[in-house]
Amino acid sequence: MNIRITAIRHDNIDFIPIVTKISKIKSLSAVVADKGYDNENNHIIIIIREKLNGFSVISSRYANVPIWKTHGRYRKKMKRVYNKILYNQRNKDETIIIAIKRLFDEHVTSKLIQMQKTRELTFRCIAYNVHRMLNLIIIRWFLQSLVYYLI
């Protein structure tokens, strides 16, 4: 998991550096993003087969515009072979973010940006993972004890 926390600017600026950093750690087969990332440069960096060996599934910003009016080679290709099932996998990430906000409050209490980045939000992600692990352990223990009781 790669975390990039910014104060005000749009995260489209950080898209290419994050994708290239993740591709050095693990090979990417598909990159799924929403309409805000529908940019020819974003498609190009993902589709360069020699470097990243992946393809992009980015929803088209202007879905009702015909393909022949769409600018960019890879944006046209994306409109032709758009995979709705794979794009809907993005909902899993959004669900985790919503769960973290619900469990640990959506407001950041630290005043300094550095404290927000390095400590508070990173520890929230770690705490969420620990919370999930404890829930799974408790459920597994309960089910095992239930099976033992029934036998």
N, C-alpha and C. Protein backbone atom coordinates (compact mmCIF):
# COMPACT_ATOMS: atom_id res chain seq x y z
N MET A 1 0.85 -1.17 0.00
CA MET A 1 0.00 0.00 0.00
C MET A 1 0.89 1.23 0.00
N ASN A 2 0.54 2.19 -0.82
CA ASN A 2 1.30 3.42 -0.92
C ASN A 2 0.39 4.56 -0.51
N ILE A 3 0.83 5.35 0.46
CA ILE A 3 0.02 6.46 0.95
C ILE A 3 0.68 7.76 0.53
N ARG A 4 -0.09 8.64 -0.06
CA ARG A 4 0.39 9.97 -0.43
C ARG A 4 -0.63 10.96 0.09
N ILE A 5 -0.26 11.79 1.05
CA ILE A 5 -1.17 12.73 1.67
C ILE A 5 -0.76 14.13 1.26
N THR A 6 -1.70 14.86 0.70
CA THR A 6 -1.43 16.24 0.28
C THR A 6 -2.40 17.18 0.97
N ALA A 7 -1.99 18.44 1.06
CA ALA A 7 -2.81 19.41 1.77
C ALA A 7 -3.98 19.89 0.91
N ILE A 8 -3.70 20.54 -0.21
CA ILE A 8 -4.78 21.17 -0.96
C ILE A 8 -4.80 20.73 -2.42
N ARG A 9 -3.65 20.47 -3.01
CA ARG A 9 -3.59 20.25 -4.45
C ARG A 9 -4.30 18.97 -4.88
N HIS A 10 -4.62 18.91 -6.16
CA HIS A 10 -5.32 17.76 -6.71
C HIS A 10 -4.37 16.58 -6.80
N ASP A 11 -4.84 15.39 -6.53
CA ASP A 11 -3.97 14.22 -6.50
C ASP A 11 -3.64 13.68 -7.88
N ASN A 12 -4.17 14.27 -8.94
CA ASN A 12 -3.81 13.87 -10.30
C ASN A 12 -2.34 14.15 -10.57
N ILE A 13 -1.77 15.14 -9.89
CA ILE A 13 -0.35 15.47 -10.03
C ILE A 13 0.51 14.31 -9.54
N ASP A 14 0.08 13.63 -8.51
CA ASP A 14 0.85 12.55 -7.91
C ASP A 14 0.56 11.18 -8.51
N PHE A 15 -0.33 11.11 -9.48
CA PHE A 15 -0.76 9.82 -10.03
C PHE A 15 0.40 9.07 -10.68
N ILE A 16 1.12 9.72 -11.58
CA ILE A 16 2.20 9.06 -12.31
C ILE A 16 3.34 8.63 -11.38
N PRO A 17 3.82 9.51 -10.45
CA PRO A 17 4.88 9.03 -9.54
C PRO A 17 4.45 7.86 -8.66
N ILE A 18 3.21 7.86 -8.20
CA ILE A 18 2.75 6.76 -7.34
C ILE A 18 2.64 5.46 -8.14
N VAL A 19 2.12 5.54 -9.35
CA VAL A 19 1.98 4.32 -10.17
C VAL A 19 3.35 3.75 -10.51
N THR A 20 4.32 4.61 -10.85
CA THR A 20 5.65 4.09 -11.17
C THR A 20 6.33 3.52 -9.93
N LYS A 21 6.12 4.12 -8.76
CA LYS A 21 6.71 3.60 -7.52
C LYS A 21 6.12 2.24 -7.16
N ILE A 22 4.81 2.11 -7.30
CA ILE A 22 4.16 0.83 -7.00
C ILE A 22 4.61 -0.24 -7.99
N SER A 23 4.80 0.14 -9.27
CA SER A 23 5.20 -0.84 -10.28
C SER A 23 6.61 -1.37 -10.04
N LYS A 24 7.44 -0.59 -9.34
CA LYS A 24 8.78 -1.08 -9.00
C LYS A 24 8.71 -2.11 -7.88
N ILE A 25 7.71 -1.99 -7.01
CA ILE A 25 7.54 -2.93 -5.90
C ILE A 25 6.85 -4.20 -6.38
N LYS A 26 5.77 -4.03 -7.14
CA LYS A 26 4.99 -5.17 -7.62
C LYS A 26 4.49 -4.87 -9.02
N SER A 27 4.48 -5.86 -9.88
CA SER A 27 4.03 -5.63 -11.25
C SER A 27 2.52 -5.37 -11.27
N LEU A 28 2.13 -4.45 -12.12
CA LEU A 28 0.73 -4.05 -12.23
C LEU A 28 0.10 -4.71 -13.44
N SER A 29 -1.06 -5.30 -13.24
CA SER A 29 -1.79 -5.85 -14.38
C SER A 29 -2.85 -4.87 -14.84
N ALA A 30 -3.48 -4.17 -13.89
CA ALA A 30 -4.50 -3.18 -14.23
C ALA A 30 -4.49 -2.07 -13.19
N VAL A 31 -4.72 -0.87 -13.67
CA VAL A 31 -4.84 0.29 -12.79
C VAL A 31 -6.24 0.84 -12.99
N VAL A 32 -7.02 0.91 -11.91
CA VAL A 32 -8.40 1.36 -11.97
C VAL A 32 -8.49 2.71 -11.29
N ALA A 33 -9.10 3.68 -11.98
CA ALA A 33 -9.23 5.03 -11.43
C ALA A 33 -10.55 5.63 -11.90
N ASP A 34 -10.95 6.73 -11.25
CA ASP A 34 -12.21 7.36 -11.62
C ASP A 34 -12.00 8.40 -12.71
N LYS A 35 -13.05 9.14 -13.03
CA LYS A 35 -13.04 10.07 -14.15
C LYS A 35 -12.03 11.20 -14.00
N GLY A 36 -11.67 11.54 -12.78
CA GLY A 36 -10.72 12.63 -12.55
C GLY A 36 -9.34 12.33 -13.12
N TYR A 37 -9.03 11.06 -13.34
CA TYR A 37 -7.72 10.66 -13.85
C TYR A 37 -7.75 10.36 -15.35
N ASP A 38 -8.84 10.67 -16.04
CA ASP A 38 -8.94 10.44 -17.47
C ASP A 38 -8.11 11.48 -18.20
N ASN A 39 -6.85 11.15 -18.37
CA ASN A 39 -5.88 12.03 -19.00
C ASN A 39 -5.00 11.15 -19.88
N GLU A 40 -4.66 11.61 -21.05
CA GLU A 40 -3.86 10.79 -21.97
C GLU A 40 -2.51 10.41 -21.36
N ASN A 41 -1.90 11.32 -20.62
CA ASN A 41 -0.62 11.00 -19.99
C ASN A 41 -0.75 9.88 -18.97
N ASN A 42 -1.85 9.86 -18.23
CA ASN A 42 -2.07 8.77 -17.26
C ASN A 42 -2.24 7.43 -17.97
N HIS A 43 -2.95 7.43 -19.10
CA HIS A 43 -3.11 6.20 -19.87
C HIS A 43 -1.77 5.76 -20.44
N ILE A 44 -0.99 6.71 -20.93
CA ILE A 44 0.30 6.37 -21.56
C ILE A 44 1.23 5.73 -20.56
N ILE A 45 1.34 6.28 -19.35
CA ILE A 45 2.29 5.75 -18.37
C ILE A 45 1.91 4.34 -17.95
N ILE A 46 0.62 4.04 -17.92
CA ILE A 46 0.19 2.70 -17.51
C ILE A 46 0.35 1.71 -18.65
N ILE A 47 0.10 2.16 -19.87
CA ILE A 47 0.04 1.24 -21.00
C ILE A 47 1.41 0.98 -21.60
N ILE A 48 2.44 1.69 -21.18
CA ILE A 48 3.76 1.41 -21.73
C ILE A 48 4.12 -0.02 -21.34
N ARG A 49 4.02 -0.91 -22.27
CA ARG A 49 4.15 -2.34 -22.00
C ARG A 49 5.57 -2.72 -21.55
N GLU A 50 6.56 -1.98 -22.04
CA GLU A 50 7.93 -2.34 -21.70
C GLU A 50 8.23 -2.08 -20.23
N LYS A 51 7.58 -1.05 -19.65
CA LYS A 51 7.92 -0.68 -18.28
C LYS A 51 6.94 -1.23 -17.26
N LEU A 52 5.65 -1.02 -17.46
CA LEU A 52 4.69 -1.35 -16.41
C LEU A 52 3.88 -2.61 -16.68
N ASN A 53 3.82 -3.05 -17.93
CA ASN A 53 3.07 -4.26 -18.29
C ASN A 53 1.66 -4.26 -17.74
N GLY A 54 0.94 -3.20 -17.91
CA GLY A 54 -0.42 -3.14 -17.40
C GLY A 54 -1.34 -2.44 -18.37
N PHE A 55 -2.58 -2.35 -17.99
CA PHE A 55 -3.53 -1.57 -18.76
C PHE A 55 -4.38 -0.76 -17.80
N SER A 56 -4.97 0.29 -18.33
CA SER A 56 -5.73 1.21 -17.49
C SER A 56 -7.22 1.00 -17.68
N VAL A 57 -7.94 1.08 -16.58
CA VAL A 57 -9.39 1.05 -16.59
C VAL A 57 -9.83 2.33 -15.90
N ILE A 58 -9.96 3.37 -16.71
CA ILE A 58 -10.34 4.68 -16.21
C ILE A 58 -11.61 5.10 -16.91
N SER A 59 -12.63 5.42 -16.14
CA SER A 59 -13.90 5.82 -16.71
C SER A 59 -13.71 7.09 -17.53
N SER A 60 -14.35 7.14 -18.68
CA SER A 60 -14.21 8.30 -19.56
C SER A 60 -14.90 9.52 -18.97
N ARG A 61 -14.20 10.64 -19.03
CA ARG A 61 -14.74 11.87 -18.46
C ARG A 61 -15.99 12.32 -19.23
N TYR A 62 -15.95 12.16 -20.53
CA TYR A 62 -17.10 12.53 -21.38
C TYR A 62 -17.58 11.27 -22.09
N ALA A 63 -18.45 10.54 -21.43
CA ALA A 63 -18.88 9.24 -21.94
C ALA A 63 -19.77 9.37 -23.17
N ASN A 64 -20.50 10.48 -23.30
CA ASN A 64 -21.42 10.61 -24.43
C ASN A 64 -20.76 11.15 -25.69
N VAL A 65 -19.50 11.51 -25.64
CA VAL A 65 -18.77 11.99 -26.83
C VAL A 65 -18.38 10.77 -27.66
N PRO A 66 -18.61 10.81 -28.99
CA PRO A 66 -18.25 9.66 -29.82
C PRO A 66 -16.74 9.41 -29.80
N ILE A 67 -16.36 8.18 -30.14
CA ILE A 67 -14.95 7.80 -30.09
C ILE A 67 -14.12 8.61 -31.08
N TRP A 68 -14.67 8.90 -32.24
CA TRP A 68 -13.88 9.63 -33.23
C TRP A 68 -13.61 11.07 -32.82
N LYS A 69 -14.37 11.61 -31.88
CA LYS A 69 -14.11 12.96 -31.37
C LYS A 69 -13.21 12.97 -30.13
N THR A 70 -12.95 11.82 -29.57
CA THR A 70 -12.11 11.72 -28.37
C THR A 70 -10.65 11.90 -28.76
N HIS A 71 -9.94 12.70 -27.98
CA HIS A 71 -8.53 12.95 -28.24
C HIS A 71 -7.68 11.93 -27.51
N GLY A 72 -6.61 11.50 -28.18
CA GLY A 72 -5.67 10.58 -27.57
C GLY A 72 -5.89 9.14 -27.99
N ARG A 73 -4.81 8.48 -28.36
CA ARG A 73 -4.86 7.10 -28.84
C ARG A 73 -5.35 6.15 -27.76
N TYR A 74 -4.80 6.28 -26.55
CA TYR A 74 -5.14 5.34 -25.48
C TYR A 74 -6.50 5.63 -24.86
N ARG A 75 -6.93 6.87 -24.91
CA ARG A 75 -8.27 7.20 -24.43
C ARG A 75 -9.32 6.60 -25.36
N LYS A 76 -9.05 6.62 -26.67
CA LYS A 76 -9.97 5.99 -27.63
C LYS A 76 -10.01 4.47 -27.41
N LYS A 77 -8.82 3.89 -27.18
CA LYS A 77 -8.76 2.46 -26.94
C LYS A 77 -9.53 2.09 -25.67
N MET A 78 -9.41 2.93 -24.64
CA MET A 78 -10.11 2.67 -23.39
C MET A 78 -11.62 2.72 -23.59
N LYS A 79 -12.08 3.66 -24.42
CA LYS A 79 -13.53 3.75 -24.68
C LYS A 79 -14.03 2.52 -25.43
N ARG A 80 -13.19 1.94 -26.27
CA ARG A 80 -13.62 0.78 -27.04
C ARG A 80 -13.70 -0.48 -26.18
N VAL A 81 -12.75 -0.66 -25.27
CA VAL A 81 -12.67 -1.91 -24.51
C VAL A 81 -12.89 -1.68 -23.02
N TYR A 82 -13.74 -0.74 -22.67
CA TYR A 82 -14.00 -0.40 -21.27
C TYR A 82 -14.62 -1.59 -20.56
N ASN A 83 -14.03 -1.98 -19.43
CA ASN A 83 -14.47 -3.14 -18.67
C ASN A 83 -15.18 -2.67 -17.40
N LYS A 84 -16.49 -2.67 -17.43
CA LYS A 84 -17.29 -2.18 -16.30
C LYS A 84 -17.13 -3.06 -15.06
N ILE A 85 -17.00 -4.35 -15.25
CA ILE A 85 -16.86 -5.28 -14.12
C ILE A 85 -15.55 -5.00 -13.38
N LEU A 86 -14.47 -4.81 -14.11
CA LEU A 86 -13.19 -4.52 -13.48
C LEU A 86 -13.20 -3.13 -12.84
N TYR A 87 -13.88 -2.18 -13.48
CA TYR A 87 -13.95 -0.83 -12.92
C TYR A 87 -14.69 -0.83 -11.58
N ASN A 88 -15.69 -1.68 -11.45
CA ASN A 88 -16.46 -1.72 -10.20
C ASN A 88 -15.67 -2.31 -9.04
N GLN A 89 -14.50 -2.90 -9.30
CA GLN A 89 -13.63 -3.37 -8.22
C GLN A 89 -13.08 -2.20 -7.41
N ARG A 90 -13.11 -1.01 -7.98
CA ARG A 90 -12.66 0.20 -7.29
C ARG A 90 -13.51 0.48 -6.06
N ASN A 91 -14.73 -0.01 -6.05
CA ASN A 91 -15.64 0.20 -4.91
C ASN A 91 -15.10 -0.42 -3.63
N LYS A 92 -14.29 -1.47 -3.73
CA LYS A 92 -13.71 -2.09 -2.54
C LYS A 92 -12.78 -1.12 -1.83
N ASP A 93 -11.97 -0.39 -2.58
CA ASP A 93 -11.08 0.60 -1.97
C ASP A 93 -11.87 1.73 -1.33
N GLU A 94 -12.90 2.18 -2.01
CA GLU A 94 -13.72 3.26 -1.46
C GLU A 94 -14.42 2.81 -0.18
N THR A 95 -14.83 1.55 -0.12
CA THR A 95 -15.48 1.02 1.07
C THR A 95 -14.53 1.01 2.25
N ILE A 96 -13.27 0.65 2.02
CA ILE A 96 -12.29 0.64 3.11
C ILE A 96 -12.04 2.05 3.62
N ILE A 97 -11.94 3.02 2.72
CA ILE A 97 -11.73 4.41 3.13
C ILE A 97 -12.91 4.91 3.96
N ILE A 98 -14.12 4.57 3.54
CA ILE A 98 -15.31 4.98 4.30
C ILE A 98 -15.33 4.31 5.67
N ALA A 99 -14.93 3.04 5.74
CA ALA A 99 -14.90 2.34 7.03
C ALA A 99 -13.88 2.96 7.97
N ILE A 100 -12.71 3.34 7.45
CA ILE A 100 -11.70 4.00 8.28
C ILE A 100 -12.23 5.32 8.80
N LYS A 101 -12.89 6.08 7.95
CA LYS A 101 -13.45 7.36 8.39
C LYS A 101 -14.54 7.16 9.43
N ARG A 102 -15.34 6.12 9.28
CA ARG A 102 -16.42 5.87 10.23
C ARG A 102 -15.89 5.41 11.59
N LEU A 103 -14.86 4.57 11.57
CA LEU A 103 -14.31 4.05 12.82
C LEU A 103 -13.48 5.08 13.59
N PHE A 104 -12.67 5.84 12.86
CA PHE A 104 -11.69 6.69 13.52
C PHE A 104 -11.93 8.17 13.28
N ASP A 105 -13.12 8.56 12.92
CA ASP A 105 -13.51 9.95 12.68
C ASP A 105 -12.83 10.49 11.42
N GLU A 106 -13.55 11.28 10.68
CA GLU A 106 -13.01 11.76 9.41
C GLU A 106 -12.18 13.03 9.54
N HIS A 107 -12.16 13.64 10.70
CA HIS A 107 -11.38 14.87 10.89
C HIS A 107 -10.00 14.54 11.43
N VAL A 108 -9.02 15.26 10.92
CA VAL A 108 -7.65 15.10 11.37
C VAL A 108 -7.41 16.11 12.48
N THR A 109 -6.91 15.65 13.62
CA THR A 109 -6.76 16.54 14.77
C THR A 109 -5.40 17.20 14.85
N SER A 110 -4.40 16.68 14.15
CA SER A 110 -3.07 17.28 14.19
C SER A 110 -3.06 18.62 13.47
N LYS A 111 -2.29 19.55 13.99
CA LYS A 111 -2.18 20.87 13.37
C LYS A 111 -1.12 20.91 12.27
N LEU A 112 0.01 20.24 12.51
CA LEU A 112 1.10 20.26 11.54
C LEU A 112 0.87 19.24 10.44
N ILE A 113 1.15 19.64 9.20
CA ILE A 113 0.98 18.74 8.05
C ILE A 113 1.85 17.49 8.22
N GLN A 114 3.07 17.66 8.71
CA GLN A 114 3.97 16.53 8.87
C GLN A 114 3.41 15.51 9.86
N MET A 115 2.79 15.97 10.92
CA MET A 115 2.19 15.05 11.89
C MET A 115 0.99 14.34 11.29
N GLN A 116 0.23 15.05 10.46
CA GLN A 116 -0.92 14.44 9.80
C GLN A 116 -0.45 13.33 8.87
N LYS A 117 0.61 13.61 8.11
CA LYS A 117 1.10 12.64 7.13
C LYS A 117 1.74 11.44 7.79
N THR A 118 2.72 11.71 8.65
CA THR A 118 3.54 10.61 9.13
C THR A 118 2.89 9.82 10.24
N ARG A 119 2.14 10.48 11.07
CA ARG A 119 1.65 9.77 12.24
C ARG A 119 0.17 9.46 12.18
N GLU A 120 -0.65 10.48 12.13
CA GLU A 120 -2.07 10.27 12.37
C GLU A 120 -2.72 9.38 11.31
N LEU A 121 -2.56 9.72 10.05
CA LEU A 121 -3.24 8.95 9.01
C LEU A 121 -2.61 7.57 8.79
N THR A 122 -1.30 7.49 8.94
CA THR A 122 -0.65 6.19 8.82
C THR A 122 -1.07 5.28 9.96
N PHE A 123 -1.14 5.82 11.17
CA PHE A 123 -1.57 5.00 12.31
C PHE A 123 -3.04 4.61 12.20
N ARG A 124 -3.83 5.44 11.57
CA ARG A 124 -5.23 5.06 11.35
C ARG A 124 -5.32 3.84 10.43
N CYS A 125 -4.49 3.82 9.39
CA CYS A 125 -4.48 2.67 8.48
C CYS A 125 -4.00 1.41 9.22
N ILE A 126 -2.98 1.56 10.05
CA ILE A 126 -2.47 0.42 10.82
C ILE A 126 -3.53 -0.05 11.82
N ALA A 127 -4.18 0.90 12.49
CA ALA A 127 -5.21 0.54 13.47
C ALA A 127 -6.38 -0.16 12.80
N TYR A 128 -6.73 0.26 11.60
CA TYR A 128 -7.81 -0.41 10.88
C TYR A 128 -7.44 -1.86 10.56
N ASN A 129 -6.19 -2.07 10.14
CA ASN A 129 -5.75 -3.43 9.83
C ASN A 129 -5.75 -4.30 11.08
N VAL A 130 -5.32 -3.76 12.22
CA VAL A 130 -5.35 -4.50 13.48
C VAL A 130 -6.79 -4.80 13.89
N HIS A 131 -7.67 -3.83 13.71
CA HIS A 131 -9.09 -4.01 14.02
C HIS A 131 -9.68 -5.14 13.20
N ARG A 132 -9.36 -5.19 11.93
CA ARG A 132 -9.87 -6.26 11.06
C ARG A 132 -9.32 -7.62 11.48
N MET A 133 -8.03 -7.66 11.81
CA MET A 133 -7.42 -8.92 12.21
C MET A 133 -8.04 -9.44 13.51
N LEU A 134 -8.27 -8.56 14.47
CA LEU A 134 -8.89 -8.97 15.72
C LEU A 134 -10.31 -9.49 15.50
N ASN A 135 -11.05 -8.81 14.64
CA ASN A 135 -12.41 -9.28 14.33
C ASN A 135 -12.37 -10.67 13.70
N LEU A 136 -11.44 -10.89 12.79
CA LEU A 136 -11.34 -12.21 12.16
C LEU A 136 -10.93 -13.29 13.15
N ILE A 137 -10.01 -12.96 14.07
CA ILE A 137 -9.58 -13.93 15.07
C ILE A 137 -10.73 -14.27 16.01
N ILE A 138 -11.48 -13.27 16.43
CA ILE A 138 -12.61 -13.51 17.33
C ILE A 138 -13.69 -14.34 16.65
N ILE A 139 -13.98 -14.02 15.40
CA ILE A 139 -14.99 -14.80 14.67
C ILE A 139 -14.54 -16.24 14.49
N ARG A 140 -13.26 -16.43 14.15
CA ARG A 140 -12.74 -17.79 13.97
C ARG A 140 -12.79 -18.56 15.29
N TRP A 141 -12.40 -17.92 16.38
CA TRP A 141 -12.44 -18.56 17.69
C TRP A 141 -13.87 -18.96 18.05
N PHE A 142 -14.83 -18.05 17.78
CA PHE A 142 -16.24 -18.32 18.09
C PHE A 142 -16.75 -19.50 17.28
N LEU A 143 -16.42 -19.54 16.00
CA LEU A 143 -16.89 -20.64 15.16
C LEU A 143 -16.27 -21.96 15.57
N GLN A 144 -14.99 -21.95 15.95
CA GLN A 144 -14.35 -23.18 16.40
C GLN A 144 -14.97 -23.67 17.70
N SER A 145 -15.25 -22.73 18.60
CA SER A 145 -15.86 -23.16 19.87
C SER A 145 -17.29 -23.66 19.64
N LEU A 146 -17.98 -23.10 18.68
CA LEU A 146 -19.33 -23.54 18.36
C LEU A 146 -19.30 -24.95 17.78
N VAL A 147 -18.36 -25.23 16.91
CA VAL A 147 -18.22 -26.57 16.34
C VAL A 147 -17.85 -27.56 17.43
N TYR A 148 -16.97 -27.19 18.33
CA TYR A 148 -16.58 -28.07 19.45
C TYR A 148 -17.78 -28.35 20.35
N TYR A 149 -18.61 -27.36 20.58
CA TYR A 149 -19.79 -27.52 21.42
C TYR A 149 -20.80 -28.45 20.78
N LEU A 150 -20.96 -28.35 19.44
CA LEU A 150 -21.93 -29.18 18.75
C LEU A 150 -21.50 -30.63 18.65
N ILE A 151 -20.21 -30.87 18.69
CA ILE A 151 -19.72 -32.25 18.59
C ILE A 151 -19.88 -32.89 19.92
